[in-house]
Amino acid sequence: MTSWAEKYRPRSLDGILGNAKAVAELREWARAWEGGRPEVKCLILYGPPGVGKTSAALALASEMDWDHIELNASDQRTAEIIKSVAGPASQVSTFSGRRRLVILDEADNLHGTYDRGGAAAILKVIRDATQPVVLIANEYYDIEKPLRDACHGVQFRSIRAQTTASLLREICRSEGIECDPDAIMHIAEMSGGDLRSAINDLEAAARGLKHLRLEDVATSERDVRASIFKVLDAIFKGENARSALEATYQLDESPEDLIHWIDENLPAVYRDRELAKGFECLSRADIFLGRVKKRQNYTLWRYAAFLMTGGVRAVSSKVRRGYTQFRPPSLWKRLGQTKKARSVRDSAARKIAAHCHVSTSYARSELLHFIGALLNSKKTGPAVAATLGLNIEEIAMLTGSAPSTKKVQRIFEDAQKMIETERIAMIDRGLKTVVGEREKPEETSAKEKGKEMAQEKRQRSLFDF
């Protein structure tokens, strides 16, 4: 049986609710393809789950009479599969001459064994594409930067509760179900802007009924996190300090995350003396958060929470009105942009720590520059890389060079040769030992033992640094 979410999926872009700007960008991009090859071959549709990103991509294909092919997280998205499936699809139209839209869902979730090499393969597909390509993601900055730079981002926002309720009423009318406005509005509000979840909740509550009432709606409410933007409104524009604190009670954010939101948006609301006092409250809250982390005493969270909410509200004597466009913490954006670099750094630090018998944090803070200096030396570089088992990206990070430079390539290739030489030498030593035991069951003479020890010492010296 087809689910209602699939049954009532929009067949054209006119059916996409609440994201008129995103729909306009999609249409403009499609027209550019119809008129020839556009400057941007690929779009990234990003935003919260259930707001219509995949539906918009499929509706675009339907509206433009394009064929489409879709890969999602349930498929294996290795480099081989992407090259063999998405590659040809992005370069050749159908037999009838229709364009083909290539859709890759959950592009921000290319991780693990099944997706190994997938991001690089997608980037090559985009660069070589002669057909339109759409990537779909929840978190824009979880996509690797080279992939983001090759595409144009189109943001989809959460659906307003009133808009969601109007669609739910239309579905009830189509299904021949009478519905109480309170029941519909309750489902819409509990969805938290997730249209797909709202439709699924309506289907679960209304199946087999002719009249949907509020008491028919499941009492186990969906665990929807309170809107961070409503909480910020309460902190900066609430009636008093108590209301600012109470607004956070249903918020699914830790104080460590909430303080970043407030820090980012404080200058957008406060000015001059109020701004200075607001930042003083945040600095005091940060002291308590630091003590929580150091002492693992989470009872101190209450003081940090009050300082960053009620304290910030109390520094202003006036009640503000009107709309303020709050922004996510820019720190998170920077962390997203440097995610891969930090992963390479941590991987190299773990290898250094294991070899030097120190902690990873010590290796990261104290030894990275030292190992980098050894790698930059022609005399010791390859031996260090071979000993630690560094890959090209780790060598590039430690030497401060790009992975494609000749220096990094030379160090990596020489290290691989040394590793292979050592492997062959170990095999030879094992064979000689076996043959020697067969030919001479008596103990090896002291002179022969000395020769073997000298050979092993020379071999080990290749890896000493």
Protein backbone atom coordinates (compact mmCIF):
# COMPACT_ATOMS: atom_id res chain seq x y z
CA MET A 1 0.00 0.00 0.00
CA THR A 2 1.40 3.40 -1.01
CA SER A 3 2.05 5.72 1.92
CA TRP A 4 0.35 9.10 1.95
CA ALA A 5 3.71 10.86 1.89
CA GLU A 6 4.44 9.17 -1.45
CA LYS A 7 0.86 9.36 -2.73
CA TYR A 8 0.69 13.13 -2.25
CA ARG A 9 4.25 13.90 -3.33
CA PRO A 10 4.13 16.99 -5.63
CA ARG A 11 4.25 16.26 -9.36
CA SER A 12 5.35 19.78 -10.31
CA LEU A 13 7.30 22.59 -8.66
CA ASP A 14 4.04 24.49 -8.06
CA GLY A 15 3.22 21.85 -5.44
CA ILE A 16 6.35 22.55 -3.37
CA LEU A 17 5.22 24.47 -0.28
CA GLY A 18 6.91 27.25 1.63
CA ASN A 19 10.11 27.58 -0.44
CA ALA A 20 9.24 29.93 -3.30
CA LYS A 21 12.78 31.31 -3.60
CA ALA A 22 14.32 27.84 -3.85
CA VAL A 23 11.72 26.80 -6.46
CA ALA A 24 12.50 29.92 -8.51
CA GLU A 25 16.23 29.10 -8.45
CA LEU A 26 15.50 25.53 -9.59
CA ARG A 27 13.38 26.75 -12.52
CA GLU A 28 15.99 29.30 -13.58
CA TRP A 29 18.70 26.63 -13.50
CA ALA A 30 16.55 24.22 -15.54
CA ARG A 31 15.88 26.89 -18.18
CA ALA A 32 19.62 27.49 -18.43
CA TRP A 33 20.06 23.78 -19.21
CA GLU A 34 17.33 23.92 -21.84
CA GLY A 35 19.09 26.83 -23.50
CA GLY A 36 22.47 25.08 -23.50
CA ARG A 37 25.00 24.19 -20.82
CA PRO A 38 24.82 26.56 -17.81
CA GLU A 39 27.83 27.85 -15.92
CA VAL A 40 26.86 25.74 -12.88
CA LYS A 41 26.30 22.08 -13.73
CA CYS A 42 25.24 20.96 -10.26
CA LEU A 43 22.98 22.23 -7.48
CA ILE A 44 23.08 21.29 -3.80
CA LEU A 45 19.60 21.32 -2.27
CA TYR A 46 20.11 21.58 1.48
CA GLY A 47 17.94 22.10 4.54
CA PRO A 48 16.19 20.22 7.38
CA PRO A 49 14.68 16.76 6.76
CA GLY A 50 11.18 16.57 5.32
CA VAL A 51 10.96 20.04 3.77
CA GLY A 52 10.69 18.85 0.17
CA LYS A 53 14.23 18.72 -1.22
CA THR A 54 13.95 15.32 -2.90
CA SER A 55 10.36 16.07 -3.93
CA ALA A 56 11.53 19.29 -5.57
CA ALA A 57 14.22 17.46 -7.56
CA LEU A 58 11.73 14.83 -8.76
CA ALA A 59 9.10 17.50 -9.50
CA LEU A 60 11.65 19.42 -11.55
CA ALA A 61 12.35 16.33 -13.68
CA SER A 62 8.62 15.77 -14.16
CA GLU A 63 7.88 19.40 -15.00
CA MET A 64 10.74 19.66 -17.50
CA ASP A 65 9.95 16.21 -18.98
CA TRP A 66 13.43 14.96 -18.06
CA ASP A 67 14.38 11.41 -17.28
CA HIS A 68 16.06 10.93 -13.89
CA ILE A 69 18.31 8.49 -12.02
CA GLU A 70 18.66 8.50 -8.24
CA LEU A 71 21.29 7.16 -5.83
CA ASN A 72 20.60 7.35 -2.10
CA ALA A 73 22.15 6.18 1.18
CA SER A 74 20.64 2.71 0.81
CA ASP A 75 22.79 2.18 -2.29
CA GLN A 76 26.48 1.46 -2.23
CA ARG A 77 28.14 4.65 -3.44
CA THR A 78 31.73 3.62 -3.91
CA ALA A 79 33.87 5.31 -6.53
CA GLU A 80 33.38 2.29 -8.82
CA ILE A 81 29.57 2.38 -8.65
CA ILE A 82 29.37 6.17 -9.08
CA LYS A 83 31.69 6.02 -12.09
CA SER A 84 29.74 3.16 -13.67
CA VAL A 85 26.22 4.46 -12.92
CA ALA A 86 26.19 8.21 -12.35
CA GLY A 87 29.11 8.89 -14.70
CA PRO A 88 27.51 7.65 -17.93
CA ALA A 89 24.09 8.98 -16.86
CA SER A 90 25.51 12.49 -16.44
CA GLN A 91 27.14 12.51 -19.87
CA VAL A 92 24.57 10.92 -22.19
CA SER A 93 20.92 11.84 -22.74
CA THR A 94 18.18 9.26 -23.38
CA PHE A 95 17.60 7.61 -26.78
CA SER A 96 14.72 10.02 -27.38
CA GLY A 97 16.99 13.00 -26.79
CA ARG A 98 15.49 13.90 -23.39
CA ARG A 99 17.76 15.26 -20.72
CA ARG A 100 18.53 13.09 -17.71
CA LEU A 101 18.66 14.49 -14.15
CA VAL A 102 21.15 12.72 -11.86
CA ILE A 103 20.06 12.91 -8.19
CA LEU A 104 22.35 11.92 -5.31
CA ASP A 105 20.52 11.93 -1.97
CA GLU A 106 22.28 12.37 1.41
CA ALA A 107 25.41 13.81 -0.16
CA ASP A 108 26.50 14.98 3.31
CA ASN A 109 26.64 11.36 4.47
CA LEU A 110 29.38 9.92 2.24
CA HIS A 111 31.19 7.94 4.92
CA GLY A 112 32.26 4.41 5.69
CA THR A 113 33.38 1.47 3.60
CA TYR A 114 30.45 1.49 1.19
CA ASP A 115 31.02 5.14 0.20
CA ARG A 116 34.81 5.05 0.09
CA GLY A 117 36.11 7.33 -2.65
CA GLY A 118 32.57 8.45 -3.43
CA ALA A 119 33.11 12.19 -2.88
CA ALA A 120 36.07 12.33 -5.26
CA ALA A 121 34.16 10.31 -7.86
CA ILE A 122 31.14 12.64 -7.61
CA LEU A 123 33.40 15.66 -8.09
CA LYS A 124 34.76 14.12 -11.31
CA VAL A 125 31.22 13.29 -12.46
CA ILE A 126 30.21 16.95 -11.98
CA ARG A 127 33.22 18.31 -13.83
CA ASP A 128 32.65 15.99 -16.80
CA ALA A 129 28.83 16.22 -16.77
CA THR A 130 26.83 17.19 -19.84
CA GLN A 131 23.54 16.49 -18.03
CA PRO A 132 22.12 18.25 -14.92
CA VAL A 133 23.17 16.94 -11.50
CA VAL A 134 21.49 17.58 -8.12
CA LEU A 135 22.97 16.72 -4.71
CA ILE A 136 20.67 16.65 -1.66
CA ALA A 137 21.90 17.20 1.90
CA ASN A 138 20.68 18.13 5.36
CA GLU A 139 23.91 19.85 6.45
CA TYR A 140 25.60 21.98 3.79
CA TYR A 141 28.97 22.19 5.54
CA ASP A 142 29.18 18.43 6.08
CA ILE A 143 29.85 18.18 2.33
CA GLU A 144 33.54 18.35 1.46
CA LYS A 145 34.67 21.83 0.37
CA PRO A 146 35.87 20.91 -3.16
CA LEU A 147 32.43 19.42 -3.80
CA ARG A 148 30.68 22.52 -2.45
CA ASP A 149 32.83 24.81 -4.58
CA ALA A 150 31.89 22.92 -7.73
CA CYS A 151 28.14 23.41 -7.10
CA HIS A 152 25.61 26.10 -6.26
CA GLY A 153 23.74 25.80 -2.96
CA VAL A 154 19.95 26.21 -2.83
CA GLN A 155 18.57 26.42 0.70
CA PHE A 156 15.22 24.90 1.73
CA ARG A 157 13.70 26.13 4.99
CA SER A 158 11.31 24.56 7.50
CA ILE A 159 7.61 24.75 6.62
CA ARG A 160 5.39 27.02 8.72
CA ALA A 161 2.76 25.26 10.83
CA GLN A 162 -0.10 27.10 9.07
CA THR A 163 1.19 26.00 5.65
CA THR A 164 1.55 22.41 6.87
CA ALA A 165 -1.98 22.46 8.32
CA SER A 166 -3.47 23.63 5.00
CA LEU A 167 -1.89 20.68 3.18
CA LEU A 168 -3.07 18.23 5.85
CA ARG A 169 -6.63 19.52 5.45
CA GLU A 170 -6.40 18.97 1.67
CA ILE A 171 -5.22 15.39 2.22
CA CYS A 172 -8.10 14.71 4.64
CA ARG A 173 -10.54 16.11 2.07
CA SER A 174 -9.08 13.88 -0.67
CA GLU A 175 -9.28 10.83 1.62
CA GLY A 176 -12.91 11.62 2.57
CA ILE A 177 -12.06 12.25 6.22
CA GLU A 178 -13.60 15.02 8.31
CA CYS A 179 -11.06 16.64 10.55
CA ASP A 180 -11.23 18.94 13.55
CA PRO A 181 -9.07 22.05 13.08
CA ASP A 182 -7.47 21.51 16.50
CA ALA A 183 -6.33 18.00 15.57
CA ILE A 184 -4.80 19.17 12.28
CA MET A 185 -3.10 22.13 13.92
CA HIS A 186 -1.71 19.91 16.69
CA ILE A 187 -0.09 17.57 14.16
CA ALA A 188 1.28 20.51 12.17
CA GLU A 189 2.83 22.15 15.22
CA MET A 190 4.33 18.92 16.51
CA SER A 191 6.04 18.26 13.17
CA GLY A 192 8.46 21.13 13.78
CA GLY A 193 8.46 22.15 10.10
CA ASP A 194 8.99 18.59 8.83
CA LEU A 195 6.23 18.18 6.23
CA ARG A 196 6.90 14.49 5.61
CA SER A 197 6.65 13.70 9.32
CA ALA A 198 3.38 15.63 9.55
CA ILE A 199 1.85 13.59 6.71
CA ASN A 200 3.06 10.34 8.28
CA ASP A 201 1.59 11.35 11.65
CA LEU A 202 -1.73 12.23 10.00
CA GLU A 203 -1.84 8.88 8.21
CA ALA A 204 -1.11 6.99 11.45
CA ALA A 205 -3.84 8.86 13.31
CA ALA A 206 -6.55 8.87 10.59
CA ARG A 207 -6.32 5.38 9.08
CA GLY A 208 -9.74 3.69 9.35
CA LEU A 209 -11.51 6.82 10.65
CA LYS A 210 -14.19 8.95 9.04
CA HIS A 211 -13.79 11.81 11.50
CA LEU A 212 -10.46 12.82 13.02
CA ARG A 213 -10.65 14.48 16.42
CA LEU A 214 -7.98 15.87 18.71
CA GLU A 215 -8.27 12.89 21.05
CA ASP A 216 -7.53 10.55 18.10
CA VAL A 217 -4.09 12.05 17.64
CA ALA A 218 -1.41 9.93 19.31
CA THR A 219 -0.70 11.12 22.84
CA SER A 220 2.98 10.19 22.55
CA GLU A 221 4.08 13.46 21.05
CA ARG A 222 6.95 13.56 18.59
CA ASP A 223 10.22 14.52 20.22
CA VAL A 224 10.63 17.81 18.39
CA ARG A 225 13.27 20.19 19.61
CA ALA A 226 12.00 23.66 20.34
CA SER A 227 13.03 26.19 17.76
CA ILE A 228 16.34 27.77 18.68
CA PHE A 229 15.11 30.94 17.00
CA LYS A 230 12.11 31.19 19.34
CA VAL A 231 14.44 30.75 22.29
CA LEU A 232 16.72 33.53 20.99
CA ASP A 233 13.66 35.75 20.65
CA ALA A 234 12.80 35.04 24.30
CA ILE A 235 16.37 35.77 25.42
CA PHE A 236 16.77 39.05 23.56
CA LYS A 237 13.15 40.25 23.42
CA GLY A 238 11.37 38.47 26.29
CA GLU A 239 9.49 40.19 29.09
CA ASN A 240 12.02 39.38 31.81
CA ALA A 241 14.98 37.21 32.84
CA ARG A 242 12.79 34.36 34.10
CA SER A 243 10.94 33.97 30.79
CA ALA A 244 14.31 33.91 28.99
CA LEU A 245 15.52 31.04 31.17
CA GLU A 246 12.25 29.11 31.00
CA ALA A 247 12.28 29.28 27.19
CA THR A 248 15.29 26.94 27.18
CA TYR A 249 13.63 24.17 29.21
CA GLN A 250 12.32 22.33 26.13
CA LEU A 251 15.31 23.15 23.95
CA ASP A 252 17.39 20.20 22.75
CA GLU A 253 20.67 22.11 23.00
CA SER A 254 23.38 21.78 25.63
CA PRO A 255 24.66 24.98 27.29
CA GLU A 256 27.93 24.53 25.35
CA ASP A 257 26.01 24.82 22.07
CA LEU A 258 23.54 27.48 23.20
CA ILE A 259 26.29 29.90 24.24
CA HIS A 260 27.61 29.89 20.66
CA TRP A 261 24.17 30.85 19.31
CA ILE A 262 23.88 33.74 21.78
CA ASP A 263 27.47 34.90 21.19
CA GLU A 264 26.89 34.99 17.41
CA ASN A 265 23.63 36.95 17.57
CA LEU A 266 24.26 39.30 20.51
CA PRO A 267 25.73 42.07 18.29
CA ALA A 268 22.68 41.87 16.01
CA VAL A 269 20.37 42.97 18.85
CA TYR A 270 22.37 44.89 21.47
CA ARG A 271 24.52 47.99 21.05
CA ASP A 272 27.12 49.92 23.04
CA ARG A 273 26.83 49.51 26.84
CA GLU A 274 24.21 46.74 26.62
CA LEU A 275 26.45 44.80 24.21
CA ALA A 276 29.43 45.07 26.57
CA LYS A 277 27.37 43.90 29.55
CA GLY A 278 25.89 41.07 27.49
CA PHE A 279 29.34 39.77 26.57
CA GLU A 280 30.40 40.06 30.23
CA CYS A 281 27.52 37.73 31.17
CA LEU A 282 28.58 35.30 28.44
CA SER A 283 32.20 35.35 29.65
CA ARG A 284 31.08 34.50 33.20
CA ALA A 285 28.86 31.71 31.83
CA ASP A 286 31.85 30.39 29.90
CA ILE A 287 33.87 30.20 33.13
CA PHE A 288 31.22 27.90 34.63
CA LEU A 289 31.17 25.77 31.46
CA GLY A 290 34.94 25.40 31.73
CA ARG A 291 34.60 24.25 35.35
CA VAL A 292 31.95 21.72 34.31
CA LYS A 293 34.32 20.26 31.73
CA LYS A 294 37.27 20.18 34.12
CA ARG A 295 35.48 18.86 37.22
CA GLN A 296 32.67 16.90 35.52
CA ASN A 297 30.30 18.67 37.93
CA TYR A 298 27.17 19.20 35.82
CA THR A 299 25.26 20.95 38.61
CA LEU A 300 27.22 24.06 37.57
CA TRP A 301 25.30 24.07 34.27
CA ARG A 302 22.42 25.85 36.04
CA TYR A 303 24.57 28.91 36.75
CA ALA A 304 25.94 29.01 33.20
CA ALA A 305 22.43 28.64 31.77
CA PHE A 306 21.02 31.50 33.85
CA LEU A 307 23.92 33.86 33.06
CA MET A 308 23.68 33.30 29.29
CA THR A 309 19.87 33.62 29.19
CA GLY A 310 18.40 35.58 32.10
CA GLY A 311 21.64 37.48 32.62
CA VAL A 312 21.82 38.58 28.98
CA ARG A 313 18.14 39.59 29.07
CA ALA A 314 18.56 41.54 32.31
CA VAL A 315 21.26 43.86 30.94
CA SER A 316 18.65 45.51 28.70
CA SER A 317 15.93 47.64 30.25
CA LYS A 318 13.70 47.87 27.19
CA VAL A 319 11.49 45.28 25.53
CA ARG A 320 12.29 44.90 21.85
CA ARG A 321 9.82 44.12 19.09
CA GLY A 322 10.04 43.27 15.45
CA TYR A 323 11.87 40.63 13.44
CA THR A 324 15.58 39.87 13.78
CA GLN A 325 17.30 37.50 11.39
CA PHE A 326 19.29 35.22 13.68
CA ARG A 327 22.28 33.34 12.27
CA PRO A 328 23.86 29.99 13.17
CA PRO A 329 27.25 30.18 14.92
CA SER A 330 29.99 31.06 12.43
CA LEU A 331 32.34 28.88 14.50
CA TRP A 332 30.38 25.81 13.39
CA LYS A 333 30.72 26.89 9.78
CA ARG A 334 34.49 27.22 10.16
CA LEU A 335 34.68 23.82 11.88
CA GLY A 336 32.70 22.30 9.00
CA GLN A 337 35.08 23.83 6.48
CA THR A 338 38.13 22.45 8.30
CA LYS A 339 36.62 19.07 9.19
CA LYS A 340 38.74 17.08 6.74
CA ALA A 341 41.95 18.92 7.66
CA ARG A 342 41.40 18.20 11.35
CA SER A 343 40.69 14.55 10.56
CA VAL A 344 44.02 14.24 8.70
CA ARG A 345 45.84 16.02 11.55
CA ASP A 346 44.33 13.70 14.18
CA SER A 347 45.14 10.61 12.10
CA ALA A 348 48.80 11.65 11.83
CA ALA A 349 48.91 12.46 15.57
CA ARG A 350 47.62 8.99 16.46
CA LYS A 351 50.36 7.33 14.37
CA ILE A 352 53.06 9.52 15.93
CA ALA A 353 51.70 8.88 19.44
CA ALA A 354 51.71 5.10 18.93
CA HIS A 355 55.31 5.13 17.70
CA CYS A 356 56.62 7.51 20.40
CA HIS A 357 54.54 5.99 23.24
CA VAL A 358 52.88 9.28 24.17
CA SER A 359 49.29 10.49 24.25
CA THR A 360 47.57 11.65 21.07
CA SER A 361 46.97 15.10 22.54
CA TYR A 362 50.69 15.46 23.37
CA ALA A 363 51.67 14.34 19.87
CA ARG A 364 49.18 16.80 18.36
CA SER A 365 50.38 19.78 20.42
CA GLU A 366 54.12 19.09 20.72
CA LEU A 367 55.38 16.72 18.04
CA LEU A 368 53.67 17.62 14.76
CA HIS A 369 56.09 20.46 13.95
CA PHE A 370 59.09 18.31 14.88
CA ILE A 371 57.95 15.43 12.64
CA GLY A 372 57.20 17.96 9.89
CA ALA A 373 60.79 19.24 10.07
CA LEU A 374 62.11 15.66 9.77
CA LEU A 375 59.86 15.03 6.76
CA ASN A 376 61.12 18.19 5.04
CA SER A 377 64.67 16.86 5.27
CA LYS A 378 65.74 14.85 2.21
CA LYS A 379 67.89 12.67 4.47
CA THR A 380 65.24 11.63 6.98
CA GLY A 381 61.91 12.36 5.24
CA PRO A 382 61.23 9.02 3.51
CA ALA A 383 62.42 6.98 6.52
CA VAL A 384 60.09 8.90 8.88
CA ALA A 385 57.13 8.49 6.52
CA ALA A 386 57.85 4.76 6.16
CA THR A 387 58.25 4.21 9.90
CA LEU A 388 55.00 5.96 10.76
CA GLY A 389 53.07 4.59 7.78
CA LEU A 390 51.94 8.07 6.67
CA ASN A 391 49.72 8.52 3.63
CA ILE A 392 50.00 11.36 1.10
CA GLU A 393 47.50 13.65 2.85
CA GLU A 394 49.25 13.24 6.20
CA ILE A 395 52.65 13.96 4.66
CA ALA A 396 51.24 17.06 2.93
CA MET A 397 49.71 18.33 6.18
CA LEU A 398 52.90 17.80 8.19
CA THR A 399 55.15 19.40 5.58
CA GLY A 400 52.77 22.29 4.89
CA SER A 401 52.50 21.40 1.21
CA ALA A 402 49.73 20.38 -1.17
CA PRO A 403 49.30 16.61 -1.77
CA SER A 404 49.95 17.11 -5.49
CA THR A 405 53.41 18.70 -5.09
CA LYS A 406 56.47 16.83 -6.32
CA LYS A 407 58.07 16.95 -2.87
CA VAL A 408 55.17 15.16 -1.19
CA GLN A 409 54.91 12.64 -4.01
CA ARG A 410 58.65 11.92 -3.80
CA ILE A 411 58.58 11.40 -0.02
CA PHE A 412 55.59 9.06 -0.28
CA GLU A 413 57.05 7.04 -3.19
CA ASP A 414 60.46 6.69 -1.50
CA ALA A 415 58.75 5.61 1.72
CA GLN A 416 56.77 2.96 -0.13
CA LYS A 417 59.98 1.64 -1.71
CA MET A 418 61.62 1.42 1.72
CA ILE A 419 58.63 -0.42 3.14
CA GLU A 420 58.67 -2.86 0.23
CA THR A 421 62.44 -3.38 0.59
CA GLU A 422 62.03 -4.12 4.29
CA ARG A 423 59.21 -6.55 3.55
CA ILE A 424 61.33 -8.45 1.02
CA ALA A 425 64.29 -8.48 3.42
CA MET A 426 62.14 -9.96 6.17
CA ILE A 427 60.94 -12.69 3.80
CA ASP A 428 64.54 -13.44 2.78
CA ARG A 429 65.66 -13.65 6.38
CA GLY A 430 62.82 -16.04 7.13
CA LEU A 431 63.74 -18.27 4.16
CA LYS A 432 67.43 -18.29 5.10
CA THR A 433 66.56 -19.28 8.64
CA VAL A 434 64.44 -22.19 7.44
CA VAL A 435 67.10 -23.37 4.94
CA GLY A 436 69.84 -23.01 7.55
CA GLU A 437 67.91 -25.14 10.01
CA ARG A 438 67.51 -27.86 7.39
CA GLU A 439 71.16 -27.88 6.27
CA LYS A 440 72.79 -27.23 9.66
CA PRO A 441 70.83 -28.56 12.58
CA GLU A 442 73.70 -27.53 14.88
CA GLU A 443 73.82 -24.00 16.30
CA THR A 444 75.01 -21.19 14.05
CA SER A 445 78.59 -20.16 14.67
CA ALA A 446 79.36 -16.92 16.49
CA LYS A 447 80.80 -15.42 13.31
CA GLU A 448 77.63 -16.12 11.29
CA LYS A 449 75.49 -14.75 14.10
CA GLY A 450 77.54 -11.56 14.02
CA LYS A 451 76.98 -11.18 10.28
CA GLU A 452 73.21 -11.59 10.70
CA MET A 453 73.09 -9.03 13.53
CA ALA A 454 75.08 -6.53 11.47
CA GLN A 455 72.71 -6.99 8.51
CA GLU A 456 69.67 -6.48 10.72
CA LYS A 457 71.23 -3.37 12.26
CA ARG A 458 71.87 -1.88 8.79
CA GLN A 459 68.27 -2.62 7.80
CA ARG A 460 66.83 -1.06 10.97
CA SER A 461 68.92 2.06 10.52
CA LEU A 462 66.83 2.93 7.47
CA PHE A 463 63.89 3.56 9.78
CA ASP A 464 65.70 5.29 12.66
CA PHE A 465 65.08 9.02 13.12
